[in-house]
N, C-alpha and C. Protein backbone atom coordinates (compact mmCIF):
# COMPACT_ATOMS: atom_id res chain seq x y z
N MET A 1 53.90 -171.54 1.26
CA MET A 1 53.22 -172.41 0.31
C MET A 1 53.73 -173.91 -0.66
N ALA A 2 53.50 -175.04 -0.04
CA ALA A 2 53.96 -176.23 -0.36
C ALA A 2 54.78 -176.28 -1.53
N MET A 3 55.43 -176.22 -2.02
CA MET A 3 56.26 -176.89 -3.24
C MET A 3 55.31 -177.54 -4.56
N LYS A 4 55.01 -178.32 -3.58
CA LYS A 4 53.65 -179.26 -4.46
C LYS A 4 52.89 -178.74 -5.09
N ASN A 5 52.32 -177.16 -4.54
CA ASN A 5 51.49 -176.67 -4.82
C ASN A 5 52.05 -175.62 -5.73
N CYS A 6 53.35 -175.53 -6.25
CA CYS A 6 53.90 -174.22 -7.18
C CYS A 6 54.16 -174.47 -8.87
N PHE A 7 53.06 -175.98 -8.96
CA PHE A 7 53.86 -176.78 -10.12
C PHE A 7 52.38 -177.07 -11.30
N GLN A 8 52.68 -176.44 -12.44
CA GLN A 8 51.12 -177.27 -12.71
C GLN A 8 52.02 -177.74 -14.36
N MET A 9 51.10 -179.00 -14.32
CA MET A 9 51.90 -179.60 -15.97
C MET A 9 51.01 -178.81 -17.29
N THR A 10 51.74 -178.87 -18.07
CA THR A 10 50.28 -179.13 -19.11
C THR A 10 50.73 -179.26 -20.60
N THR A 11 50.30 -179.69 -21.54
CA THR A 11 50.65 -179.98 -22.74
C THR A 11 50.34 -179.89 -23.55
N VAL A 12 50.95 -180.05 -24.83
CA VAL A 12 50.66 -179.28 -26.47
C VAL A 12 50.76 -180.19 -27.01
N CYS A 13 49.13 -180.40 -27.26
CA CYS A 13 49.35 -181.47 -28.85
C CYS A 13 49.07 -181.21 -29.95
N ASN A 14 49.71 -181.63 -31.05
CA ASN A 14 49.74 -181.68 -32.27
C ASN A 14 48.97 -182.75 -33.01
N THR A 15 47.61 -182.98 -32.95
CA THR A 15 46.46 -183.92 -33.94
C THR A 15 45.53 -182.93 -34.40
N THR A 16 45.38 -183.95 -35.58
CA THR A 16 44.04 -183.22 -36.30
C THR A 16 42.84 -184.43 -36.63
N ARG A 17 43.05 -185.57 -35.92
CA ARG A 17 42.17 -187.03 -36.20
C ARG A 17 41.01 -186.44 -35.02
N ALA A 18 40.16 -187.04 -35.26
CA ALA A 18 39.68 -187.38 -33.87
C ALA A 18 39.62 -187.88 -33.13
N GLY A 19 39.00 -187.68 -32.03
CA GLY A 19 39.18 -189.06 -30.87
C GLY A 19 39.48 -188.23 -29.66
N VAL A 20 39.83 -188.24 -28.47
CA VAL A 20 40.12 -188.21 -27.08
C VAL A 20 41.00 -188.70 -26.98
N TYR A 21 42.17 -188.41 -26.21
CA TYR A 21 43.23 -189.44 -25.69
C TYR A 21 43.92 -188.62 -25.01
N HIS A 22 45.07 -188.98 -23.61
CA HIS A 22 45.38 -188.61 -22.93
C HIS A 22 46.76 -189.03 -23.65
N PRO A 23 47.26 -187.98 -23.97
CA PRO A 23 49.11 -187.71 -24.62
C PRO A 23 50.28 -188.63 -23.87
N PHE A 24 49.98 -188.75 -22.25
CA PHE A 24 51.36 -189.21 -21.30
C PHE A 24 50.44 -190.68 -21.51
N GLY A 25 49.67 -191.21 -21.55
CA GLY A 25 48.99 -192.79 -21.21
C GLY A 25 48.26 -192.26 -19.79
N THR A 26 49.84 -193.26 -18.91
CA THR A 26 49.52 -193.25 -17.30
C THR A 26 50.07 -192.43 -16.82
N LEU A 27 50.21 -191.33 -16.13
CA LEU A 27 50.54 -190.46 -15.29
C LEU A 27 51.28 -191.12 -14.25
N GLU A 28 51.89 -191.14 -13.42
CA GLU A 28 52.46 -190.49 -12.38
C GLU A 28 52.77 -189.86 -11.28
N LYS A 29 52.31 -189.95 -10.35
CA LYS A 29 52.25 -188.30 -9.49
C LYS A 29 53.93 -187.85 -9.65
N PRO A 30 53.38 -186.58 -9.62
CA PRO A 30 55.25 -186.03 -10.26
C PRO A 30 55.14 -185.62 -8.70
N GLN A 31 57.25 -185.50 -9.07
CA GLN A 31 57.80 -185.89 -7.49
C GLN A 31 58.53 -184.38 -7.64
N PHE A 32 58.43 -183.99 -6.34
CA PHE A 32 58.88 -182.21 -6.69
C PHE A 32 60.34 -182.44 -5.65
N PRO A 33 61.50 -181.65 -5.78
CA PRO A 33 62.87 -181.53 -4.70
C PRO A 33 62.08 -181.55 -3.66
N ILE A 34 62.58 -182.01 -2.79
CA ILE A 34 62.50 -182.34 -1.25
C ILE A 34 63.57 -182.24 -0.33
N PRO A 35 63.62 -181.97 -0.17
CA PRO A 35 64.80 -181.47 1.21
C PRO A 35 65.20 -182.73 2.26
N THR A 36 66.48 -182.45 2.13
CA THR A 36 67.40 -184.11 2.97
C THR A 36 67.44 -183.43 4.08
N ASN A 37 67.87 -184.26 5.13
CA ASN A 37 68.19 -183.69 7.04
C ASN A 37 69.60 -183.06 6.45
N LYS A 38 70.56 -182.86 5.19
CA LYS A 38 71.83 -182.03 5.05
C LYS A 38 71.63 -180.76 4.28
N GLY A 39 70.16 -180.84 4.09
CA GLY A 39 69.95 -179.70 3.74
C GLY A 39 70.35 -179.12 2.48
N LYS A 40 71.01 -180.32 1.35
CA LYS A 40 70.76 -180.55 0.17
C LYS A 40 68.93 -181.36 -0.49
N LEU A 41 69.08 -181.15 -1.94
CA LEU A 41 67.71 -180.91 -2.87
C LEU A 41 67.88 -182.05 -3.26
N HIS A 42 67.10 -183.83 -2.94
CA HIS A 42 66.96 -184.50 -3.63
C HIS A 42 65.67 -184.31 -4.98
N THR A 43 66.06 -184.63 -5.75
CA THR A 43 64.96 -184.92 -6.75
C THR A 43 65.36 -185.54 -7.33
N PRO A 44 63.89 -186.32 -6.96
CA PRO A 44 63.69 -187.26 -7.89
C PRO A 44 63.19 -186.92 -9.45
N ILE A 45 63.11 -188.11 -10.47
CA ILE A 45 62.86 -188.09 -12.23
C ILE A 45 61.31 -188.18 -11.88
N LEU A 46 60.71 -187.32 -12.62
CA LEU A 46 59.19 -187.49 -13.19
C LEU A 46 59.36 -188.22 -13.99
N SER A 47 57.97 -189.28 -13.71
CA SER A 47 58.73 -190.22 -14.93
C SER A 47 57.16 -190.27 -15.21
N LEU A 48 56.75 -190.88 -16.69
CA LEU A 48 55.99 -190.69 -17.36
C LEU A 48 55.99 -192.13 -18.26
N SER A 49 54.71 -192.38 -18.27
CA SER A 49 54.87 -193.89 -18.66
C SER A 49 53.25 -194.17 -19.94
N SER A 50 53.92 -194.81 -20.33
CA SER A 50 52.59 -194.71 -21.60
C SER A 50 52.08 -195.95 -22.59
N SER A 51 51.40 -196.61 -22.65
CA SER A 51 50.36 -198.18 -22.94
C SER A 51 50.56 -197.62 -24.65
N SER A 52 51.21 -198.75 -25.28
CA SER A 52 50.81 -198.37 -26.94
C SER A 52 49.46 -199.03 -27.41
N SER A 53 48.39 -199.87 -26.82
CA SER A 53 47.31 -200.03 -26.66
C SER A 53 46.45 -198.61 -26.21
N PHE A 54 46.84 -198.30 -25.51
CA PHE A 54 45.97 -197.26 -25.25
C PHE A 54 46.54 -195.92 -26.15
N PHE A 55 47.92 -195.43 -26.77
CA PHE A 55 47.85 -194.31 -27.70
C PHE A 55 46.98 -194.67 -29.02
N GLY A 56 47.54 -196.24 -29.70
CA GLY A 56 47.29 -196.17 -31.08
C GLY A 56 47.55 -195.50 -32.22
N PRO A 57 46.70 -195.47 -32.62
CA PRO A 57 47.40 -194.65 -33.81
C PRO A 57 47.90 -193.26 -33.30
N PHE A 58 47.72 -192.78 -32.26
CA PHE A 58 48.11 -190.71 -31.80
C PHE A 58 49.75 -190.85 -30.99
N ARG A 59 50.41 -192.05 -31.29
CA ARG A 59 51.65 -192.14 -30.72
C ARG A 59 52.44 -191.55 -31.31
N GLY A 60 53.36 -190.58 -30.47
CA GLY A 60 53.92 -189.46 -30.99
C GLY A 60 53.54 -188.33 -32.06
N ARG A 61 52.02 -188.58 -31.63
CA ARG A 61 51.62 -187.13 -32.00
C ARG A 61 51.72 -185.84 -30.97
N TYR A 62 52.23 -185.06 -30.28
CA TYR A 62 52.16 -184.20 -29.53
C TYR A 62 53.18 -183.80 -29.69
N GLN A 63 54.01 -182.39 -29.08
CA GLN A 63 54.96 -182.07 -28.95
C GLN A 63 56.12 -182.60 -27.92
N LYS A 64 55.14 -181.60 -26.92
CA LYS A 64 56.14 -181.99 -25.27
C LYS A 64 55.27 -181.89 -24.93
N SER A 65 55.67 -182.00 -23.24
CA SER A 65 54.96 -181.65 -22.13
C SER A 65 55.73 -180.96 -21.89
N ARG A 66 55.04 -179.54 -20.67
CA ARG A 66 56.04 -178.50 -20.06
C ARG A 66 55.44 -178.71 -18.22
N ILE A 67 56.58 -178.46 -17.63
CA ILE A 67 56.12 -178.31 -16.35
C ILE A 67 56.73 -176.30 -16.25
N VAL A 68 55.50 -175.72 -15.11
CA VAL A 68 55.79 -174.43 -15.27
C VAL A 68 55.69 -174.43 -13.35
N CYS A 69 56.51 -173.37 -13.39
CA CYS A 69 56.65 -172.88 -11.71
C CYS A 69 55.34 -171.59 -11.70
N LYS A 70 54.60 -171.66 -10.89
CA LYS A 70 53.29 -170.73 -10.45
C LYS A 70 54.00 -170.28 -9.10
N ALA A 71 55.44 -170.58 -8.56
CA ALA A 71 56.21 -169.84 -7.35
C ALA A 71 55.81 -168.24 -6.97
N ARG A 72 56.31 -167.36 -8.67
CA ARG A 72 56.51 -166.22 -8.46
C ARG A 72 54.78 -166.00 -8.36
N GLU A 73 53.98 -166.51 -9.29
CA GLU A 73 52.35 -166.10 -8.86
C GLU A 73 52.34 -166.44 -7.40
N ALA A 74 52.32 -166.86 -6.75
CA ALA A 74 52.35 -166.90 -5.07
C ALA A 74 52.97 -166.28 -4.64
N LEU A 75 53.85 -165.38 -4.76
CA LEU A 75 54.28 -164.36 -3.96
C LEU A 75 53.79 -163.38 -4.19
N ASP A 76 53.00 -162.75 -5.63
CA ASP A 76 52.60 -161.38 -6.05
C ASP A 76 51.45 -161.45 -5.67
N GLN A 77 50.51 -162.27 -5.12
CA GLN A 77 49.46 -162.36 -4.88
C GLN A 77 48.88 -161.67 -3.54
N VAL A 78 47.77 -160.79 -3.36
CA VAL A 78 47.22 -160.50 -2.08
C VAL A 78 46.36 -161.51 -1.34
N GLN A 79 47.02 -161.84 -0.21
CA GLN A 79 46.41 -163.00 0.55
C GLN A 79 45.34 -162.17 1.39
N VAL A 80 44.39 -163.00 2.19
CA VAL A 80 43.98 -163.01 2.86
C VAL A 80 44.57 -163.28 4.34
N VAL A 81 44.52 -162.45 5.39
CA VAL A 81 44.73 -162.39 6.94
C VAL A 81 44.12 -162.38 7.99
N THR A 82 43.94 -163.18 8.82
CA THR A 82 42.99 -163.50 9.74
C THR A 82 43.63 -163.61 11.34
N GLU A 83 42.77 -163.45 12.45
CA GLU A 83 43.48 -163.64 13.74
C GLU A 83 44.50 -164.26 14.16
N SER A 84 44.11 -165.21 13.54
CA SER A 84 45.10 -166.35 14.00
C SER A 84 46.79 -166.10 13.28
N GLY A 85 46.39 -165.71 12.26
CA GLY A 85 47.67 -165.36 11.38
C GLY A 85 48.60 -164.31 11.55
N TRP A 86 47.29 -163.49 11.90
CA TRP A 86 47.99 -161.76 12.25
C TRP A 86 49.59 -161.42 12.91
N ASP A 87 50.08 -162.20 13.90
CA ASP A 87 50.97 -161.88 14.60
C ASP A 87 52.25 -162.77 13.72
N GLU A 88 52.48 -163.48 12.90
CA GLU A 88 52.99 -164.87 12.12
C GLU A 88 53.36 -163.52 10.92
N LEU A 89 52.12 -163.25 10.47
CA LEU A 89 52.57 -162.75 9.07
C LEU A 89 52.70 -161.19 8.91
N VAL A 90 52.34 -160.41 9.59
CA VAL A 90 51.95 -159.69 9.87
C VAL A 90 53.21 -158.50 10.72
N ILE A 91 53.23 -158.77 11.92
CA ILE A 91 53.78 -158.43 12.98
C ILE A 91 55.37 -158.65 13.29
N LYS A 92 55.30 -160.08 12.95
CA LYS A 92 56.76 -161.13 12.90
C LYS A 92 57.35 -160.62 11.88
N SER A 93 56.90 -160.69 10.82
CA SER A 93 57.51 -159.98 9.53
C SER A 93 58.93 -158.99 9.17
N GLU A 94 59.53 -159.79 8.61
CA GLU A 94 61.01 -158.66 8.53
C GLU A 94 60.59 -158.28 7.46
N ASN A 95 60.29 -158.53 5.88
CA ASN A 95 59.27 -157.26 5.27
C ASN A 95 58.78 -156.28 5.78
N PRO A 96 58.72 -155.24 4.84
CA PRO A 96 57.82 -154.15 4.86
C PRO A 96 56.17 -154.76 4.94
N VAL A 97 55.45 -154.52 5.43
CA VAL A 97 53.88 -154.82 4.89
C VAL A 97 52.70 -154.19 5.14
N LEU A 98 52.27 -154.33 3.90
CA LEU A 98 51.00 -153.57 3.15
C LEU A 98 49.83 -154.49 3.76
N VAL A 99 48.47 -153.58 4.53
CA VAL A 99 47.35 -154.55 4.96
C VAL A 99 46.49 -153.85 4.61
N GLU A 100 45.40 -154.71 3.71
CA GLU A 100 44.62 -153.53 3.61
C GLU A 100 42.81 -153.98 4.31
N PHE A 101 42.33 -153.37 4.69
CA PHE A 101 41.23 -153.25 5.63
C PHE A 101 39.86 -153.00 4.36
N TRP A 102 38.87 -153.94 4.61
CA TRP A 102 38.04 -154.18 3.38
C TRP A 102 36.72 -154.73 3.81
N ALA A 103 35.96 -154.68 2.89
CA ALA A 103 34.64 -156.07 3.08
C ALA A 103 33.60 -156.37 2.19
N PRO A 104 32.92 -157.04 1.55
CA PRO A 104 32.70 -157.28 0.44
C PRO A 104 31.64 -156.48 -0.28
N TRP A 105 30.66 -155.98 0.91
CA TRP A 105 29.66 -154.87 0.36
C TRP A 105 30.13 -153.06 -0.48
N CYS A 106 31.25 -152.67 0.30
CA CYS A 106 32.35 -152.14 0.08
C CYS A 106 32.28 -151.32 -1.49
N GLY A 107 32.29 -150.34 -2.37
CA GLY A 107 32.38 -150.00 -3.40
C GLY A 107 33.27 -149.58 -3.58
N PRO A 108 33.84 -148.91 -2.93
CA PRO A 108 35.34 -148.39 -3.31
C PRO A 108 36.39 -149.19 -2.80
N CYS A 109 35.97 -150.08 -1.77
CA CYS A 109 37.13 -151.67 -1.53
C CYS A 109 37.32 -152.00 -2.84
N ARG A 110 36.22 -152.48 -3.58
CA ARG A 110 36.09 -153.20 -5.34
C ARG A 110 36.89 -151.93 -5.65
N MET A 111 37.20 -151.06 -6.24
CA MET A 111 37.36 -150.17 -6.54
C MET A 111 39.18 -150.34 -6.39
N ILE A 112 39.84 -150.73 -5.23
CA ILE A 112 41.03 -150.30 -4.80
C ILE A 112 41.68 -151.58 -4.86
N ALA A 113 40.86 -152.97 -5.04
CA ALA A 113 41.52 -154.22 -5.01
C ALA A 113 42.78 -154.25 -5.92
N PRO A 114 41.96 -154.01 -7.33
CA PRO A 114 42.75 -154.29 -8.56
C PRO A 114 44.44 -153.82 -8.69
N VAL A 115 44.05 -152.29 -7.63
CA VAL A 115 45.53 -151.52 -7.78
C VAL A 115 46.67 -151.94 -6.53
N ILE A 116 45.77 -152.15 -5.45
CA ILE A 116 46.73 -153.02 -4.08
C ILE A 116 47.20 -154.76 -5.26
N GLU A 117 46.81 -155.43 -6.18
CA GLU A 117 46.96 -156.13 -6.94
C GLU A 117 48.32 -156.07 -7.76
N GLU A 118 48.00 -154.97 -8.24
CA GLU A 118 49.32 -154.15 -8.70
C GLU A 118 50.57 -153.89 -8.27
N LEU A 119 50.29 -153.65 -7.25
CA LEU A 119 51.23 -153.32 -6.26
C LEU A 119 52.07 -154.35 -5.85
N ALA A 120 51.09 -155.42 -5.36
CA ALA A 120 51.85 -156.49 -5.04
C ALA A 120 52.82 -157.20 -6.05
N LYS A 121 52.42 -157.60 -7.66
CA LYS A 121 52.89 -158.27 -8.45
C LYS A 121 54.30 -156.76 -8.47
N GLU A 122 54.26 -155.26 -8.22
CA GLU A 122 54.93 -154.64 -8.64
C GLU A 122 56.55 -154.89 -8.01
N TYR A 123 56.05 -155.16 -6.79
CA TYR A 123 56.96 -154.81 -5.33
C TYR A 123 56.62 -156.33 -4.66
N ALA A 124 56.87 -157.35 -5.51
CA ALA A 124 56.99 -159.39 -5.43
C ALA A 124 58.09 -159.47 -4.42
N GLY A 125 58.47 -159.66 -3.26
CA GLY A 125 59.66 -159.92 -2.87
C GLY A 125 60.10 -158.62 -1.54
N LYS A 126 59.91 -157.50 -1.92
CA LYS A 126 60.00 -156.25 -1.35
C LYS A 126 59.45 -156.20 -0.31
N ILE A 127 57.89 -156.13 -0.44
CA ILE A 127 56.75 -155.88 0.24
C ILE A 127 55.81 -157.24 0.31
N SER A 128 55.02 -157.48 1.61
CA SER A 128 54.33 -158.19 1.49
C SER A 128 53.09 -157.80 1.96
N CYS A 129 51.85 -158.11 0.79
CA CYS A 129 50.98 -157.40 0.69
C CYS A 129 49.32 -158.23 1.23
N TYR A 130 48.53 -158.02 1.91
CA TYR A 130 48.08 -158.98 2.84
C TYR A 130 46.55 -157.96 3.16
N LYS A 131 45.35 -158.60 3.02
CA LYS A 131 43.90 -157.99 2.91
C LYS A 131 42.82 -158.43 4.38
N VAL A 132 42.43 -158.08 5.23
CA VAL A 132 41.54 -158.48 6.26
C VAL A 132 40.15 -158.14 6.07
N ASN A 133 39.35 -158.95 5.73
CA ASN A 133 37.92 -158.47 5.79
C ASN A 133 37.19 -158.04 6.95
N THR A 134 37.14 -156.55 6.80
CA THR A 134 36.49 -156.76 8.78
C THR A 134 35.07 -156.72 9.00
N ASP A 135 34.49 -157.39 8.28
CA ASP A 135 33.57 -158.33 8.72
C ASP A 135 33.71 -159.44 9.68
N ASP A 136 35.03 -160.26 8.72
CA ASP A 136 35.37 -161.89 9.51
C ASP A 136 36.57 -161.12 10.65
N CYS A 137 36.93 -160.17 10.78
CA CYS A 137 37.89 -160.18 11.56
C CYS A 137 37.32 -158.50 12.05
N PRO A 138 37.03 -158.31 12.71
CA PRO A 138 36.65 -156.76 13.76
C PRO A 138 37.48 -156.88 14.45
N ASN A 139 38.03 -157.82 15.49
CA ASN A 139 39.03 -157.67 16.33
C ASN A 139 40.16 -156.55 15.88
N ILE A 140 41.09 -157.26 14.98
CA ILE A 140 41.74 -156.34 13.93
C ILE A 140 41.77 -154.91 13.91
N ALA A 141 40.35 -154.68 13.22
CA ALA A 141 40.11 -153.49 12.75
C ALA A 141 39.74 -152.75 14.50
N THR A 142 38.97 -153.31 14.82
CA THR A 142 39.28 -152.14 16.06
C THR A 142 40.65 -151.67 17.25
N LYS A 143 41.30 -153.02 16.83
CA LYS A 143 42.71 -152.88 17.45
C LYS A 143 43.63 -151.47 16.94
N TYR A 144 42.97 -151.65 15.39
CA TYR A 144 43.83 -150.27 14.88
C TYR A 144 42.91 -149.18 14.46
N SER A 145 41.97 -149.21 15.06
CA SER A 145 41.08 -148.22 14.86
C SER A 145 40.44 -148.06 13.89
N ILE A 146 40.20 -149.02 13.00
CA ILE A 146 39.87 -149.08 11.59
C ILE A 146 38.01 -148.64 11.42
N ARG A 147 38.00 -146.98 11.29
CA ARG A 147 36.60 -146.50 11.21
C ARG A 147 35.87 -146.35 9.52
N SER A 148 36.71 -146.21 8.76
CA SER A 148 36.72 -146.17 7.69
C SER A 148 36.95 -147.21 6.59
N ILE A 149 36.07 -148.22 5.41
CA ILE A 149 36.80 -148.20 4.73
C ILE A 149 36.64 -147.97 3.19
N PRO A 150 37.62 -148.12 2.49
CA PRO A 150 39.39 -149.08 2.79
C PRO A 150 40.03 -148.33 3.36
N THR A 151 40.96 -148.78 4.03
CA THR A 151 41.95 -148.46 4.81
C THR A 151 43.16 -149.35 4.64
N VAL A 152 44.25 -148.09 4.39
CA VAL A 152 45.79 -149.42 3.81
C VAL A 152 46.34 -148.58 4.95
N LEU A 153 46.87 -150.06 6.23
CA LEU A 153 48.06 -149.59 6.84
C LEU A 153 49.68 -150.09 6.60
N PHE A 154 50.73 -149.33 6.50
CA PHE A 154 51.94 -149.86 6.49
C PHE A 154 52.67 -150.27 7.63
N PHE A 155 53.50 -151.37 7.60
CA PHE A 155 53.43 -151.81 9.25
C PHE A 155 55.13 -152.14 8.74
N ASN A 156 56.37 -152.12 8.93
CA ASN A 156 57.57 -151.85 9.18
C ASN A 156 57.86 -152.43 10.48
N LYS A 157 59.04 -153.53 10.71
CA LYS A 157 59.01 -154.64 11.54
C LYS A 157 58.56 -154.60 12.84
N GLY A 158 56.57 -154.70 12.30
CA GLY A 158 56.24 -155.13 13.35
C GLY A 158 55.24 -153.55 14.02
N GLU A 159 55.76 -152.39 13.47
CA GLU A 159 55.59 -151.39 14.60
C GLU A 159 54.04 -150.75 12.89
N ARG A 160 53.39 -149.88 13.44
CA ARG A 160 52.21 -149.68 12.83
C ARG A 160 53.06 -148.19 12.28
N LYS A 161 53.49 -148.15 10.98
CA LYS A 161 54.06 -146.36 10.39
C LYS A 161 53.54 -145.78 10.02
N GLU A 162 52.11 -145.75 8.88
CA GLU A 162 51.56 -145.09 7.68
C GLU A 162 50.05 -145.85 7.97
N SER A 163 49.19 -145.08 7.57
CA SER A 163 47.84 -145.00 7.53
C SER A 163 47.69 -144.42 6.21
N VAL A 164 46.67 -144.97 4.90
CA VAL A 164 45.78 -143.96 3.51
C VAL A 164 44.60 -144.68 4.07
N ILE A 165 43.81 -143.64 4.18
CA ILE A 165 42.52 -144.26 4.03
C ILE A 165 41.68 -143.64 2.61
N GLY A 166 41.05 -144.65 2.51
CA GLY A 166 39.77 -144.29 0.98
C GLY A 166 40.20 -144.76 -0.26
N ALA A 167 39.89 -145.10 -1.50
CA ALA A 167 39.77 -145.40 -2.75
C ALA A 167 41.13 -144.41 -3.16
N VAL A 168 42.35 -144.19 -3.44
CA VAL A 168 43.97 -143.68 -3.44
C VAL A 168 43.54 -144.19 -4.69
N PRO A 169 44.62 -143.03 -5.30
CA PRO A 169 45.50 -143.19 -6.93
C PRO A 169 46.50 -144.22 -6.03
N LYS A 170 47.10 -145.55 -7.31
CA LYS A 170 47.95 -146.04 -7.44
C LYS A 170 49.78 -145.18 -6.70
N SER A 171 49.54 -143.86 -7.74
CA SER A 171 51.12 -143.30 -7.23
C SER A 171 50.59 -143.17 -5.53
N THR A 172 49.90 -142.70 -5.09
CA THR A 172 49.73 -142.27 -3.88
C THR A 172 50.48 -143.51 -2.78
N LEU A 173 49.71 -144.75 -2.72
CA LEU A 173 50.54 -145.90 -2.08
C LEU A 173 51.80 -146.85 -2.82
N SER A 174 52.06 -146.33 -4.15
CA SER A 174 53.40 -146.63 -4.43
C SER A 174 54.30 -145.36 -3.97
N GLY A 175 53.99 -144.30 -3.51
CA GLY A 175 54.74 -143.19 -2.72
C GLY A 175 55.45 -143.93 -0.93
N ALA A 176 54.07 -143.86 -0.80
CA ALA A 176 54.01 -144.84 0.43
C ALA A 176 55.03 -146.25 0.78
N ILE A 177 54.67 -146.77 0.04
CA ILE A 177 55.74 -148.46 -0.02
C ILE A 177 57.20 -147.81 -0.18
N ASP A 178 56.92 -146.70 -0.82
CA ASP A 178 58.92 -147.10 -1.29
C ASP A 178 59.51 -145.83 -0.29
N LYS A 179 58.34 -145.54 0.31
CA LYS A 179 59.27 -145.28 2.08
C LYS A 179 59.83 -146.12 2.92
N TYR A 180 59.46 -147.43 2.65
CA TYR A 180 59.99 -148.60 3.60
C TYR A 180 60.73 -149.51 2.89
N VAL A 181 60.69 -149.35 1.36
CA VAL A 181 61.33 -150.44 0.73
C VAL A 181 63.02 -150.34 0.67
């Protein structure tokens, strides 16, 4: 995920007067750490400018702004993998990989999806979690003999290690993950 997608700007306003205003006035595009050719990060300053005519009586009536890193959330989400990214994301991965095979029309798949998401958050950084829509990627499902969904496959260093078929409890899946972490 690109660094610019990892940040979100929020602001906390503290005003009781009626009216709509933007507490920053004009906001220049935030600058994020940029790798230089020597591997060091060059961090330009985030600049905010305001106009007194724009703020009027509201000048100074806000508490502060915050920049929040959303990178952790990017790591602990179950992402979709397709045939084009399969080898790069699953087979060549250094981390163990959990792949859920599912379809939007499958009821048990909808039941197990929140469990997979919880596991992705719990094991963030230790295991990569992906999902494959069998309707969109039938070649991957055929290659791994997926005949029933949901099916969860575990890969370690590109090798298929284990499969779990059906909507199973979280403890079953976390037990399987613990073998490879």
